[in-house]
């Protein structure tokens, strides 16, 4: 049967190796986030991120490291793929930043996104807190076996409810995610073409052909090619939201089986931040008080909230 659901392709050992690679990627991103300071450029940040990844044992990359500062975290005025590459934008006090890297170790791939800020930025704080909703929503929708394009639409609806902008639609192909597999291509390691590893392009090409033959796509977007139930395997998922010139995302691996789903790892920087925030809120709440009022989103909290810049 052409559209038969494939079996989950990985064992526990494989999942452990993918988890290790993802942890390595986030650890290096956290190190760079602690290292960067006002005056550092995007190019300097990506060079430092790559250096730390290679020193940690990374042998190849799904794609080259990216860094976006300021309103570039919201992909404002991005019109060509070349604008995604790191440039000469310098970090300034109060600016948000996003680091994105996709290391490969022994063929096991991770693809992560890390959002941060330098100094104070109340809008970023609100966006960072609200990002938790999208992680929970995506997991619930995938567990319900909703077609991927409908999950994308549910995320869009939540973004609109928050008063934010969908910025993953700016990525090539409008993707919110893509499948990740173990790279087995024999091309030269560490060599990139158009920002992607040569081995990655070979593997992705095979996956595109194979999945299309079965009426599926390894790229998760909002179009016709994603009108199918979640394919068992690993998916790198990256909801990217923004308000005006402030953007943020997470990107991490989602495990999808034939009848269930879970995030590969909950011990990640953004999850730890949400947990710590929840614990602080619980500790600060007095007993026997009236029900609390839901905190406003960034759009409602901003003092002069006109429509976000498009």
Protein backbone atom coordinates (compact mmCIF):
# COMPACT_ATOMS: atom_id res chain seq x y z
CA UNK A 1 0.00 0.00 0.00
CA UNK A 2 1.58 3.29 -1.13
CA UNK A 3 0.56 5.36 1.91
CA UNK A 4 1.10 2.68 4.57
CA UNK A 5 2.57 4.04 7.80
CA UNK A 6 6.26 3.11 8.09
CA UNK A 7 7.64 1.60 11.27
CA UNK A 8 9.63 3.68 13.72
CA UNK A 9 13.20 3.32 12.45
CA UNK A 10 15.30 3.80 15.61
CA UNK A 11 16.11 1.75 18.70
CA UNK A 12 16.90 2.95 22.21
CA UNK A 13 20.63 3.09 21.48
CA UNK A 14 20.00 5.32 18.48
CA UNK A 15 17.75 7.62 20.51
CA UNK A 16 20.44 7.87 23.18
CA UNK A 17 23.00 8.93 20.56
CA UNK A 18 20.64 11.51 19.05
CA UNK A 19 19.99 12.81 22.58
CA UNK A 20 23.72 13.08 23.27
CA UNK A 21 24.26 15.08 20.08
CA UNK A 22 21.37 17.40 20.91
CA UNK A 23 22.74 17.94 24.43
CA UNK A 24 26.16 18.71 22.95
CA UNK A 25 24.64 21.26 20.58
CA UNK A 26 22.72 23.03 23.33
CA UNK A 27 25.74 23.01 25.65
CA UNK A 28 27.85 24.75 23.01
CA UNK A 29 25.05 27.25 22.31
CA UNK A 30 24.82 28.05 26.03
CA UNK A 31 28.58 28.56 26.18
CA UNK A 32 28.47 30.99 23.26
CA UNK A 33 25.45 32.76 24.75
CA UNK A 34 27.51 33.34 27.91
CA UNK A 35 30.50 34.46 25.84
CA UNK A 36 28.88 37.00 23.54
CA UNK A 37 28.63 40.62 24.61
CA UNK A 38 27.82 44.00 23.06
CA UNK A 39 30.09 44.63 20.09
CA UNK A 40 30.28 40.99 18.93
CA UNK A 41 29.09 40.43 15.35
CA UNK A 42 26.93 37.62 14.04
CA UNK A 43 29.88 36.26 12.08
CA UNK A 44 32.06 36.20 15.17
CA UNK A 45 29.31 34.38 17.07
CA UNK A 46 28.90 31.69 14.41
CA UNK A 47 32.67 31.22 14.17
CA UNK A 48 32.87 30.76 17.94
CA UNK A 49 29.92 28.36 17.92
CA UNK A 50 31.50 26.27 15.17
CA UNK A 51 34.85 26.25 16.98
CA UNK A 52 33.30 24.97 20.19
CA UNK A 53 31.26 22.32 18.37
CA UNK A 54 34.30 20.96 16.53
CA UNK A 55 36.32 20.97 19.76
CA UNK A 56 33.52 18.92 21.35
CA UNK A 57 33.79 16.23 18.69
CA UNK A 58 31.45 17.34 15.91
CA UNK A 59 32.55 15.87 12.60
CA UNK A 60 30.03 17.36 10.17
CA UNK A 61 27.05 19.71 9.99
CA UNK A 62 23.50 19.33 8.72
CA UNK A 63 23.81 23.05 8.05
CA UNK A 64 26.34 25.71 9.01
CA UNK A 65 25.77 27.57 12.31
CA UNK A 66 23.58 30.68 12.19
CA UNK A 67 23.29 33.71 14.45
CA UNK A 68 20.75 36.50 14.24
CA UNK A 69 20.85 39.70 16.33
CA UNK A 70 18.30 42.43 16.94
CA UNK A 71 15.40 42.67 14.50
CA UNK A 72 17.09 39.96 12.42
CA UNK A 73 15.77 37.53 15.06
CA UNK A 74 12.34 38.40 13.64
CA UNK A 75 13.54 37.99 10.03
CA UNK A 76 12.44 41.51 9.20
CA UNK A 77 13.06 42.40 5.55
CA UNK A 78 14.38 38.93 4.67
CA UNK A 79 13.80 38.38 0.97
CA UNK A 80 16.49 35.92 -0.15
CA UNK A 81 18.07 32.80 1.42
CA UNK A 82 21.42 34.59 1.56
CA UNK A 83 20.05 36.90 4.27
CA UNK A 84 19.89 33.98 6.70
CA UNK A 85 23.68 33.74 6.80
CA UNK A 86 25.53 35.58 9.55
CA UNK A 87 26.43 39.15 8.75
CA UNK A 88 28.13 42.13 10.37
CA UNK A 89 25.26 43.07 12.69
CA UNK A 90 26.75 43.93 16.06
CA UNK A 91 25.09 42.97 19.31
CA UNK A 92 23.90 45.90 21.43
CA UNK A 93 22.60 46.17 24.96
CA UNK A 94 18.97 45.04 25.15
CA UNK A 95 19.11 43.11 21.88
CA UNK A 96 17.69 39.63 21.43
CA UNK A 97 19.70 36.96 19.67
CA UNK A 98 19.12 33.50 18.24
CA UNK A 99 21.78 30.82 17.75
CA UNK A 100 21.04 27.87 15.47
CA UNK A 101 23.31 24.90 14.82
CA UNK A 102 22.97 21.37 13.45
CA UNK A 103 25.95 19.19 14.39
CA UNK A 104 26.50 15.59 13.30
CA UNK A 105 28.44 13.06 15.40
CA UNK A 106 28.91 9.55 14.00
CA UNK A 107 26.03 10.22 11.64
CA UNK A 108 23.66 11.23 14.46
CA UNK A 109 22.18 14.65 13.75
CA UNK A 110 20.76 17.36 15.98
CA UNK A 111 19.28 20.69 14.92
CA UNK A 112 18.72 23.22 17.69
CA UNK A 113 17.70 26.82 18.18
CA UNK A 114 18.64 28.86 21.24
CA UNK A 115 17.10 32.24 22.01
CA UNK A 116 18.63 34.78 24.35
CA UNK A 117 19.05 38.48 25.09
CA UNK A 118 21.73 40.86 26.32
CA UNK A 119 20.50 43.04 29.15
CA UNK A 120 16.84 43.83 29.72
CA UNK A 121 14.12 43.26 27.14
CA UNK A 122 10.57 42.87 28.55
CA UNK A 123 9.09 41.92 25.17
CA UNK A 124 11.59 39.08 24.83
CA UNK A 125 10.67 37.93 28.35
CA UNK A 126 7.00 37.70 27.39
CA UNK A 127 7.73 35.90 24.12
CA UNK A 128 10.06 33.47 25.88
CA UNK A 129 7.35 32.59 28.39
CA UNK A 130 4.65 32.19 25.75
CA UNK A 131 6.85 29.93 23.64
CA UNK A 132 6.02 27.13 26.09
CA UNK A 133 2.45 27.06 24.74
CA UNK A 134 3.68 26.06 21.29
CA UNK A 135 5.75 23.16 22.58
CA UNK A 136 2.74 21.76 24.41
CA UNK A 137 0.39 22.42 21.48
CA UNK A 138 2.59 20.73 18.89
CA UNK A 139 3.02 17.62 21.01
CA UNK A 140 -0.73 17.34 21.68
CA UNK A 141 -1.60 17.77 18.01
CA UNK A 142 0.95 15.23 16.83
CA UNK A 143 -0.17 12.73 19.46
CA UNK A 144 -3.69 13.13 18.08
CA UNK A 145 -2.31 12.11 14.67
CA UNK A 146 -3.50 15.32 13.06
CA UNK A 147 -2.14 15.87 9.53
CA UNK A 148 1.05 17.92 9.66
CA UNK A 149 -0.42 20.82 7.69
CA UNK A 150 -3.27 21.00 10.23
CA UNK A 151 -0.80 21.06 13.11
CA UNK A 152 0.91 23.95 11.33
CA UNK A 153 -2.47 25.72 11.06
CA UNK A 154 -3.11 25.19 14.78
CA UNK A 155 0.24 26.83 15.56
CA UNK A 156 -0.69 29.70 13.23
CA UNK A 157 -3.98 30.16 15.08
CA UNK A 158 -2.18 30.27 18.43
CA UNK A 159 0.31 32.82 17.11
CA UNK A 160 -2.58 35.02 15.96
CA UNK A 161 -4.30 34.65 19.35
CA UNK A 162 -1.14 35.83 21.08
CA UNK A 163 -0.87 38.79 18.69
CA UNK A 164 2.49 37.69 17.32
CA UNK A 165 3.91 36.99 13.87
CA UNK A 166 4.68 33.58 12.41
CA UNK A 167 8.32 33.81 11.33
CA UNK A 168 9.02 30.16 10.46
CA UNK A 169 6.99 30.87 7.33
CA UNK A 170 10.00 32.93 6.17
CA UNK A 171 12.27 29.87 6.14
CA UNK A 172 12.78 28.29 2.71
CA UNK A 173 9.71 26.16 2.02
CA UNK A 174 7.84 27.84 4.95
CA UNK A 175 8.89 24.88 7.09
CA UNK A 176 8.22 24.57 10.81
CA UNK A 177 10.20 21.33 10.87
CA UNK A 178 11.92 18.58 8.96
CA UNK A 179 12.76 14.94 9.45
CA UNK A 180 16.14 13.97 10.87
CA UNK A 181 17.79 10.64 10.22
CA UNK A 182 21.18 9.11 10.68
CA UNK A 183 23.50 10.34 7.93
CA UNK A 184 25.04 7.45 6.03
CA UNK A 185 26.25 9.21 2.89
CA UNK A 186 29.89 8.74 1.89
CA UNK A 187 30.68 12.28 0.73
CA UNK A 188 33.43 14.39 2.31
CA UNK A 189 32.73 15.26 5.95
CA UNK A 190 32.70 18.93 6.93
CA UNK A 191 32.23 20.20 3.37
CA UNK A 192 29.20 22.45 2.83
CA UNK A 193 27.30 23.64 -0.22
CA UNK A 194 24.77 26.47 -0.01
CA UNK A 195 25.03 26.26 3.78
CA UNK A 196 24.25 22.54 3.99
CA UNK A 197 26.66 19.67 4.45
CA UNK A 198 27.33 17.70 1.28
CA UNK A 199 26.43 14.48 3.10
CA UNK A 200 23.23 16.14 4.30
CA UNK A 201 22.23 17.06 0.75
CA UNK A 202 22.80 13.51 -0.41
CA UNK A 203 20.75 12.05 2.44
CA UNK A 204 18.00 14.65 2.15
CA UNK A 205 17.75 14.08 -1.58
CA UNK A 206 17.18 10.38 -1.04
CA UNK A 207 14.59 11.07 1.66
CA UNK A 208 12.69 13.52 -0.54
CA UNK A 209 12.44 11.01 -3.36
CA UNK A 210 11.51 8.11 -1.09
CA UNK A 211 8.87 10.03 0.86
CA UNK A 212 7.30 11.59 -2.23
CA UNK A 213 6.86 8.10 -3.71
CA UNK A 214 4.73 7.30 -0.66
CA UNK A 215 2.75 10.54 -0.72
CA UNK A 216 4.69 12.09 2.14
CA UNK A 217 7.37 14.74 2.61
CA UNK A 218 10.31 14.98 5.04
CA UNK A 219 9.67 18.75 5.12
CA UNK A 220 6.89 19.97 7.42
CA UNK A 221 5.09 23.01 6.05
CA UNK A 222 1.52 24.19 5.48
CA UNK A 223 1.07 23.04 1.89
CA UNK A 224 -0.29 20.02 0.08
CA UNK A 225 2.86 17.93 0.55
CA UNK A 226 2.26 17.99 4.34
CA UNK A 227 -1.33 16.76 4.18
CA UNK A 228 -0.49 13.47 5.86
CA UNK A 229 -0.28 12.08 9.37
CA UNK A 230 3.03 12.53 11.20
CA UNK A 231 5.59 10.10 9.77
CA UNK A 232 7.29 7.90 12.39
CA UNK A 233 10.85 9.00 13.00
CA UNK A 234 12.62 12.06 14.37
CA UNK A 235 11.53 15.58 13.47
CA UNK A 236 13.47 18.79 14.16
CA UNK A 237 10.70 21.24 15.05
CA UNK A 238 11.22 25.01 15.24
CA UNK A 239 8.24 27.28 15.95
CA UNK A 240 9.55 30.82 15.44
CA UNK A 241 7.49 33.75 16.73
CA UNK A 242 8.05 37.49 16.82
CA UNK A 243 6.61 40.78 17.94
CA UNK A 244 7.91 43.78 16.04
CA UNK A 245 11.71 43.57 16.09
CA UNK A 246 11.97 40.80 18.66
CA UNK A 247 11.99 37.16 17.58
CA UNK A 248 12.55 33.90 19.41
CA UNK A 249 12.29 30.19 18.76
CA UNK A 250 13.28 26.83 20.09
CA UNK A 251 14.30 23.94 17.91
CA UNK A 252 14.56 20.39 19.18
CA UNK A 253 13.92 16.80 18.21
CA UNK A 254 10.43 15.31 18.38
CA UNK A 255 10.08 11.52 18.50
CA UNK A 256 7.10 10.28 16.48
CA UNK A 257 6.09 6.62 16.62
CA UNK A 258 3.25 4.84 14.84
CA UNK A 259 0.74 5.82 17.54
CA UNK A 260 2.39 8.30 19.92
CA UNK A 261 4.92 11.10 20.23
CA UNK A 262 7.22 12.72 22.79
CA UNK A 263 10.01 15.24 22.87
CA UNK A 264 13.36 13.48 22.80
CA UNK A 265 14.62 15.32 25.89
CA UNK A 266 13.11 17.65 28.48
CA UNK A 267 16.45 18.63 30.00
CA UNK A 268 16.91 21.62 27.68
CA UNK A 269 17.58 25.32 28.40
CA UNK A 270 14.12 26.62 27.47
CA UNK A 271 12.35 23.85 29.41
CA UNK A 272 14.53 24.45 32.45
CA UNK A 273 13.74 28.18 32.21
CA UNK A 274 9.98 27.55 32.13
CA UNK A 275 10.25 25.16 35.07
CA UNK A 276 12.24 27.67 37.10
CA UNK A 277 9.76 30.46 36.25
CA UNK A 278 6.83 28.27 37.32
CA UNK A 279 8.55 27.40 40.61
CA UNK A 280 9.29 31.06 41.34
CA UNK A 281 5.69 32.01 40.59
CA UNK A 282 4.35 29.23 42.81
CA UNK A 283 6.67 30.21 45.65
CA UNK A 284 5.65 33.87 45.40
CA UNK A 285 1.90 33.23 45.37
CA UNK A 286 0.26 33.88 48.75
CA UNK A 287 -2.23 31.36 50.09
CA UNK A 288 -6.00 31.97 50.22
CA UNK A 289 -5.99 34.59 47.50
CA UNK A 290 -8.44 35.25 44.73
CA UNK A 291 -7.79 33.54 41.39
CA UNK A 292 -4.95 35.20 39.54
CA UNK A 293 -5.51 37.04 36.30
CA UNK A 294 -3.74 35.64 33.25
CA UNK A 295 -0.67 37.67 32.37
CA UNK A 296 -0.89 39.63 29.11
CA UNK A 297 1.01 38.62 26.04
CA UNK A 298 3.79 40.83 24.69
CA UNK A 299 1.30 42.45 22.31
CA UNK A 300 -1.01 43.41 25.19
CA UNK A 301 1.83 44.34 27.54
CA UNK A 302 3.60 46.72 25.16
CA UNK A 303 2.64 50.35 25.90
CA UNK A 304 1.83 51.32 22.31
CA UNK A 305 0.72 48.12 20.62
CA UNK A 306 0.02 48.85 17.02
CA UNK A 307 0.13 45.98 14.54
CA UNK A 308 3.51 44.28 14.52
CA UNK A 309 5.75 45.35 11.67
CA UNK A 310 5.38 43.04 8.69
